[in-house]
Amino acid sequence: MSRAIILADVNGVRVPLLLDADALAAIGAALAEQRHGRDPLASPLMTIAEAASYLRCKRQRIDDLLCQRRLTRIKEGRRTLIQRDELERHLQRQGRPR
């Protein structure tokens, strides 16, 4: 069984961590996803503010895209959410890689 000991810095204190084979495999899978430009911890849905930050634009621009139906809104109670994949497709249509 594979195991690794790494030293992690926790609040300025170096702490040894023992990682088993499952933990090492999970870390490897997460790193592979990041190499392909995907964040494995990222939510598939974003708020309007998160979408604006992601596209590096003002919130009003996202509101405009929603009103023009160039983006689809998902309502969850009072929150308005937008699919991350749809934002990626919007960028590709605009010819602007992320």
N, C-alpha and C. Protein backbone atom coordinates (compact mmCIF):
# COMPACT_ATOMS: atom_id res chain seq x y z
N MET A 1 0.85 -1.17 0.00
CA MET A 1 0.00 0.00 0.00
C MET A 1 0.89 1.24 0.00
N SER A 2 0.58 2.18 -0.89
CA SER A 2 1.35 3.42 -0.98
C SER A 2 0.97 4.38 0.12
N ARG A 3 1.98 5.01 0.68
CA ARG A 3 1.77 6.03 1.69
C ARG A 3 2.82 7.10 1.49
N ALA A 4 2.46 8.32 1.87
CA ALA A 4 3.42 9.41 1.77
C ALA A 4 3.26 10.30 3.00
N ILE A 5 4.36 10.83 3.44
CA ILE A 5 4.34 11.79 4.54
C ILE A 5 4.76 13.13 3.96
N ILE A 6 3.89 14.13 4.15
CA ILE A 6 4.23 15.48 3.71
C ILE A 6 4.19 16.40 4.91
N LEU A 7 4.92 17.51 4.81
CA LEU A 7 4.88 18.51 5.86
C LEU A 7 4.01 19.67 5.39
N ALA A 8 2.96 19.94 6.15
CA ALA A 8 2.05 21.03 5.82
C ALA A 8 2.26 22.17 6.81
N ASP A 9 2.14 23.39 6.32
CA ASP A 9 2.28 24.57 7.17
C ASP A 9 0.90 24.98 7.65
N VAL A 10 0.63 24.86 8.94
CA VAL A 10 -0.67 25.21 9.52
C VAL A 10 -0.43 26.31 10.54
N ASN A 11 -0.84 27.53 10.18
CA ASN A 11 -0.66 28.69 11.06
C ASN A 11 0.78 28.86 11.52
N GLY A 12 1.70 28.64 10.60
CA GLY A 12 3.11 28.83 10.91
C GLY A 12 3.78 27.63 11.58
N VAL A 13 3.04 26.56 11.79
CA VAL A 13 3.59 25.36 12.42
C VAL A 13 3.62 24.25 11.38
N ARG A 14 4.77 23.62 11.21
CA ARG A 14 4.89 22.51 10.25
C ARG A 14 4.37 21.24 10.90
N VAL A 15 3.37 20.64 10.22
CA VAL A 15 2.70 19.46 10.74
C VAL A 15 2.87 18.32 9.74
N PRO A 16 3.35 17.15 10.18
CA PRO A 16 3.45 16.03 9.25
C PRO A 16 2.08 15.40 9.00
N LEU A 17 1.79 15.11 7.73
CA LEU A 17 0.54 14.46 7.35
C LEU A 17 0.85 13.14 6.67
N LEU A 18 0.18 12.08 7.10
CA LEU A 18 0.35 10.77 6.49
C LEU A 18 -0.80 10.56 5.51
N LEU A 19 -0.48 10.40 4.23
CA LEU A 19 -1.48 10.22 3.19
C LEU A 19 -1.46 8.78 2.71
N ASP A 20 -2.65 8.15 2.65
CA ASP A 20 -2.72 6.78 2.16
C ASP A 20 -2.93 6.79 0.64
N ALA A 21 -3.06 5.61 0.06
CA ALA A 21 -3.16 5.47 -1.39
C ALA A 21 -4.40 6.19 -1.94
N ASP A 22 -5.52 6.12 -1.22
CA ASP A 22 -6.75 6.79 -1.69
C ASP A 22 -6.56 8.30 -1.72
N ALA A 23 -5.93 8.86 -0.69
CA ALA A 23 -5.70 10.31 -0.65
C ALA A 23 -4.75 10.72 -1.78
N LEU A 24 -3.70 9.93 -2.02
CA LEU A 24 -2.77 10.24 -3.09
C LEU A 24 -3.46 10.18 -4.46
N ALA A 25 -4.36 9.20 -4.64
CA ALA A 25 -5.09 9.09 -5.91
C ALA A 25 -6.02 10.29 -6.10
N ALA A 26 -6.68 10.73 -5.03
CA ALA A 26 -7.57 11.88 -5.12
C ALA A 26 -6.79 13.15 -5.45
N ILE A 27 -5.63 13.31 -4.86
CA ILE A 27 -4.79 14.48 -5.16
C ILE A 27 -4.34 14.43 -6.62
N GLY A 28 -3.94 13.26 -7.08
CA GLY A 28 -3.52 13.11 -8.48
C GLY A 28 -4.64 13.43 -9.45
N ALA A 29 -5.86 12.97 -9.15
CA ALA A 29 -7.01 13.25 -10.02
C ALA A 29 -7.32 14.74 -10.05
N ALA A 30 -7.25 15.40 -8.89
CA ALA A 30 -7.51 16.84 -8.83
C ALA A 30 -6.46 17.62 -9.62
N LEU A 31 -5.22 17.21 -9.52
CA LEU A 31 -4.16 17.88 -10.28
C LEU A 31 -4.35 17.69 -11.79
N ALA A 32 -4.78 16.50 -12.19
CA ALA A 32 -5.03 16.24 -13.61
C ALA A 32 -6.16 17.13 -14.13
N GLU A 33 -7.21 17.31 -13.33
CA GLU A 33 -8.31 18.19 -13.73
C GLU A 33 -7.82 19.63 -13.88
N GLN A 34 -6.99 20.08 -12.96
CA GLN A 34 -6.48 21.45 -13.02
C GLN A 34 -5.61 21.66 -14.25
N ARG A 35 -4.87 20.65 -14.64
CA ARG A 35 -4.02 20.76 -15.84
C ARG A 35 -4.87 20.96 -17.08
N HIS A 36 -6.09 20.45 -17.05
CA HIS A 36 -7.00 20.59 -18.19
C HIS A 36 -7.86 21.84 -18.06
N GLY A 37 -7.53 22.72 -17.15
CA GLY A 37 -8.24 23.98 -17.02
C GLY A 37 -9.53 23.91 -16.24
N ARG A 38 -9.79 22.79 -15.57
CA ARG A 38 -11.02 22.65 -14.81
C ARG A 38 -10.69 22.59 -13.33
N ASP A 39 -11.45 23.31 -12.53
CA ASP A 39 -11.29 23.26 -11.08
C ASP A 39 -12.28 22.24 -10.54
N PRO A 40 -11.79 21.11 -9.99
CA PRO A 40 -12.70 20.06 -9.55
C PRO A 40 -13.60 20.48 -8.40
N LEU A 41 -13.25 21.54 -7.68
CA LEU A 41 -14.07 21.99 -6.57
C LEU A 41 -15.03 23.09 -6.95
N ALA A 42 -14.94 23.57 -8.19
CA ALA A 42 -15.79 24.68 -8.63
C ALA A 42 -17.23 24.21 -8.79
N SER A 43 -18.15 25.04 -8.35
CA SER A 43 -19.57 24.74 -8.49
C SER A 43 -19.97 24.91 -9.96
N PRO A 44 -20.90 24.10 -10.43
CA PRO A 44 -21.37 24.28 -11.81
C PRO A 44 -22.28 25.50 -11.97
N LEU A 45 -22.71 26.08 -10.85
CA LEU A 45 -23.57 27.26 -10.89
C LEU A 45 -22.88 28.45 -10.25
N MET A 46 -23.14 29.64 -10.78
CA MET A 46 -22.53 30.86 -10.25
C MET A 46 -23.62 31.91 -10.03
N THR A 47 -23.41 32.76 -9.02
CA THR A 47 -24.29 33.91 -8.83
C THR A 47 -23.94 34.96 -9.88
N ILE A 48 -24.76 36.00 -9.98
CA ILE A 48 -24.49 37.06 -10.94
C ILE A 48 -23.15 37.73 -10.61
N ALA A 49 -22.90 37.97 -9.34
CA ALA A 49 -21.64 38.60 -8.94
C ALA A 49 -20.44 37.72 -9.30
N GLU A 50 -20.56 36.41 -9.07
CA GLU A 50 -19.48 35.48 -9.42
C GLU A 50 -19.28 35.43 -10.93
N ALA A 51 -20.38 35.44 -11.68
CA ALA A 51 -20.28 35.42 -13.14
C ALA A 51 -19.59 36.68 -13.65
N ALA A 52 -19.92 37.83 -13.07
CA ALA A 52 -19.28 39.08 -13.47
C ALA A 52 -17.79 39.03 -13.18
N SER A 53 -17.42 38.51 -12.04
CA SER A 53 -16.01 38.38 -11.70
C SER A 53 -15.31 37.42 -12.66
N TYR A 54 -15.97 36.32 -12.96
CA TYR A 54 -15.42 35.30 -13.86
C TYR A 54 -15.17 35.87 -15.26
N LEU A 55 -16.13 36.70 -15.75
CA LEU A 55 -15.99 37.29 -17.08
C LEU A 55 -15.21 38.60 -17.05
N ARG A 56 -14.85 39.04 -15.85
CA ARG A 56 -14.13 40.30 -15.66
C ARG A 56 -14.90 41.47 -16.27
N CYS A 57 -16.16 41.55 -15.88
CA CYS A 57 -17.02 42.64 -16.35
C CYS A 57 -17.85 43.13 -15.17
N LYS A 58 -18.66 44.13 -15.42
CA LYS A 58 -19.53 44.66 -14.38
C LYS A 58 -20.78 43.80 -14.27
N ARG A 59 -21.40 43.84 -13.11
CA ARG A 59 -22.62 43.08 -12.86
C ARG A 59 -23.70 43.45 -13.89
N GLN A 60 -23.75 44.73 -14.26
CA GLN A 60 -24.75 45.19 -15.22
C GLN A 60 -24.64 44.45 -16.55
N ARG A 61 -23.42 44.12 -16.97
CA ARG A 61 -23.20 43.38 -18.22
C ARG A 61 -23.87 42.01 -18.15
N ILE A 62 -23.77 41.35 -17.00
CA ILE A 62 -24.41 40.04 -16.83
C ILE A 62 -25.93 40.22 -16.88
N ASP A 63 -26.43 41.24 -16.19
CA ASP A 63 -27.87 41.52 -16.23
C ASP A 63 -28.33 41.76 -17.67
N ASP A 64 -27.54 42.51 -18.44
CA ASP A 64 -27.88 42.78 -19.84
C ASP A 64 -27.92 41.48 -20.65
N LEU A 65 -26.94 40.62 -20.47
CA LEU A 65 -26.91 39.35 -21.19
C LEU A 65 -28.11 38.48 -20.83
N LEU A 66 -28.51 38.52 -19.56
CA LEU A 66 -29.70 37.77 -19.14
C LEU A 66 -30.96 38.34 -19.78
N CYS A 67 -31.09 39.66 -19.79
CA CYS A 67 -32.27 40.30 -20.39
C CYS A 67 -32.34 40.04 -21.90
N GLN A 68 -31.18 39.98 -22.54
CA GLN A 68 -31.12 39.71 -23.98
C GLN A 68 -31.27 38.23 -24.29
N ARG A 69 -31.39 37.43 -23.24
CA ARG A 69 -31.50 35.96 -23.35
C ARG A 69 -30.29 35.32 -24.02
N ARG A 70 -29.15 35.99 -23.88
CA ARG A 70 -27.91 35.40 -24.36
C ARG A 70 -27.32 34.48 -23.30
N LEU A 71 -27.79 34.65 -22.05
CA LEU A 71 -27.51 33.73 -20.95
C LEU A 71 -28.84 33.34 -20.33
N THR A 72 -28.89 32.14 -19.75
CA THR A 72 -30.11 31.64 -19.13
C THR A 72 -30.02 31.76 -17.62
N ARG A 73 -31.07 32.32 -17.02
CA ARG A 73 -31.08 32.44 -15.56
C ARG A 73 -31.76 31.23 -14.95
N ILE A 74 -31.23 30.81 -13.82
CA ILE A 74 -31.83 29.74 -13.02
C ILE A 74 -32.19 30.36 -11.69
N LYS A 75 -33.46 30.34 -11.34
CA LYS A 75 -33.90 30.93 -10.09
C LYS A 75 -33.92 29.86 -9.00
N GLU A 76 -33.31 30.18 -7.89
CA GLU A 76 -33.33 29.31 -6.71
C GLU A 76 -33.74 30.21 -5.55
N GLY A 77 -35.02 30.22 -5.26
CA GLY A 77 -35.52 31.16 -4.26
C GLY A 77 -35.31 32.58 -4.75
N ARG A 78 -34.62 33.39 -3.99
CA ARG A 78 -34.34 34.77 -4.37
C ARG A 78 -33.09 34.90 -5.23
N ARG A 79 -32.28 33.83 -5.25
CA ARG A 79 -31.02 33.91 -5.98
C ARG A 79 -31.21 33.63 -7.46
N THR A 80 -30.41 34.34 -8.26
CA THR A 80 -30.34 34.08 -9.69
C THR A 80 -28.99 33.43 -9.96
N LEU A 81 -29.01 32.26 -10.59
CA LEU A 81 -27.78 31.52 -10.86
C LEU A 81 -27.60 31.34 -12.37
N ILE A 82 -26.35 31.16 -12.75
CA ILE A 82 -25.99 30.96 -14.16
C ILE A 82 -25.05 29.76 -14.23
N GLN A 83 -25.24 28.92 -15.24
CA GLN A 83 -24.38 27.74 -15.38
C GLN A 83 -23.00 28.16 -15.86
N ARG A 84 -21.98 27.61 -15.20
CA ARG A 84 -20.59 27.89 -15.56
C ARG A 84 -20.31 27.47 -17.01
N ASP A 85 -20.85 26.33 -17.43
CA ASP A 85 -20.64 25.85 -18.81
C ASP A 85 -21.20 26.84 -19.83
N GLU A 86 -22.34 27.46 -19.48
CA GLU A 86 -22.94 28.42 -20.40
C GLU A 86 -22.06 29.67 -20.53
N LEU A 87 -21.44 30.08 -19.44
CA LEU A 87 -20.51 31.21 -19.51
C LEU A 87 -19.31 30.86 -20.39
N GLU A 88 -18.82 29.63 -20.28
CA GLU A 88 -17.71 29.18 -21.13
C GLU A 88 -18.11 29.22 -22.60
N ARG A 89 -19.33 28.74 -22.91
CA ARG A 89 -19.81 28.76 -24.30
C ARG A 89 -19.96 30.19 -24.80
N HIS A 90 -20.43 31.08 -23.94
CA HIS A 90 -20.57 32.49 -24.32
C HIS A 90 -19.19 33.07 -24.70
N LEU A 91 -18.17 32.76 -23.91
CA LEU A 91 -16.83 33.25 -24.20
C LEU A 91 -16.33 32.70 -25.53
N GLN A 92 -16.60 31.43 -25.79
CA GLN A 92 -16.16 30.82 -27.05
C GLN A 92 -16.87 31.45 -28.24
N ARG A 93 -18.16 31.75 -28.10
CA ARG A 93 -18.89 32.42 -29.19
C ARG A 93 -18.34 33.81 -29.46
N GLN A 94 -17.84 34.46 -28.42
CA GLN A 94 -17.28 35.79 -28.57
C GLN A 94 -15.83 35.74 -29.06
N GLY A 95 -15.28 34.53 -29.15
CA GLY A 95 -13.90 34.39 -29.61
C GLY A 95 -12.89 34.80 -28.56
N ARG A 96 -13.30 34.74 -27.30
CA ARG A 96 -12.41 35.14 -26.20
C ARG A 96 -12.16 33.93 -25.32
N PRO A 97 -10.98 33.32 -25.42
CA PRO A 97 -10.69 32.18 -24.55
C PRO A 97 -10.55 32.62 -23.11
N ARG A 98 -10.88 31.77 -22.21
CA ARG A 98 -10.80 32.07 -20.76
C ARG A 98 -9.38 32.03 -20.33
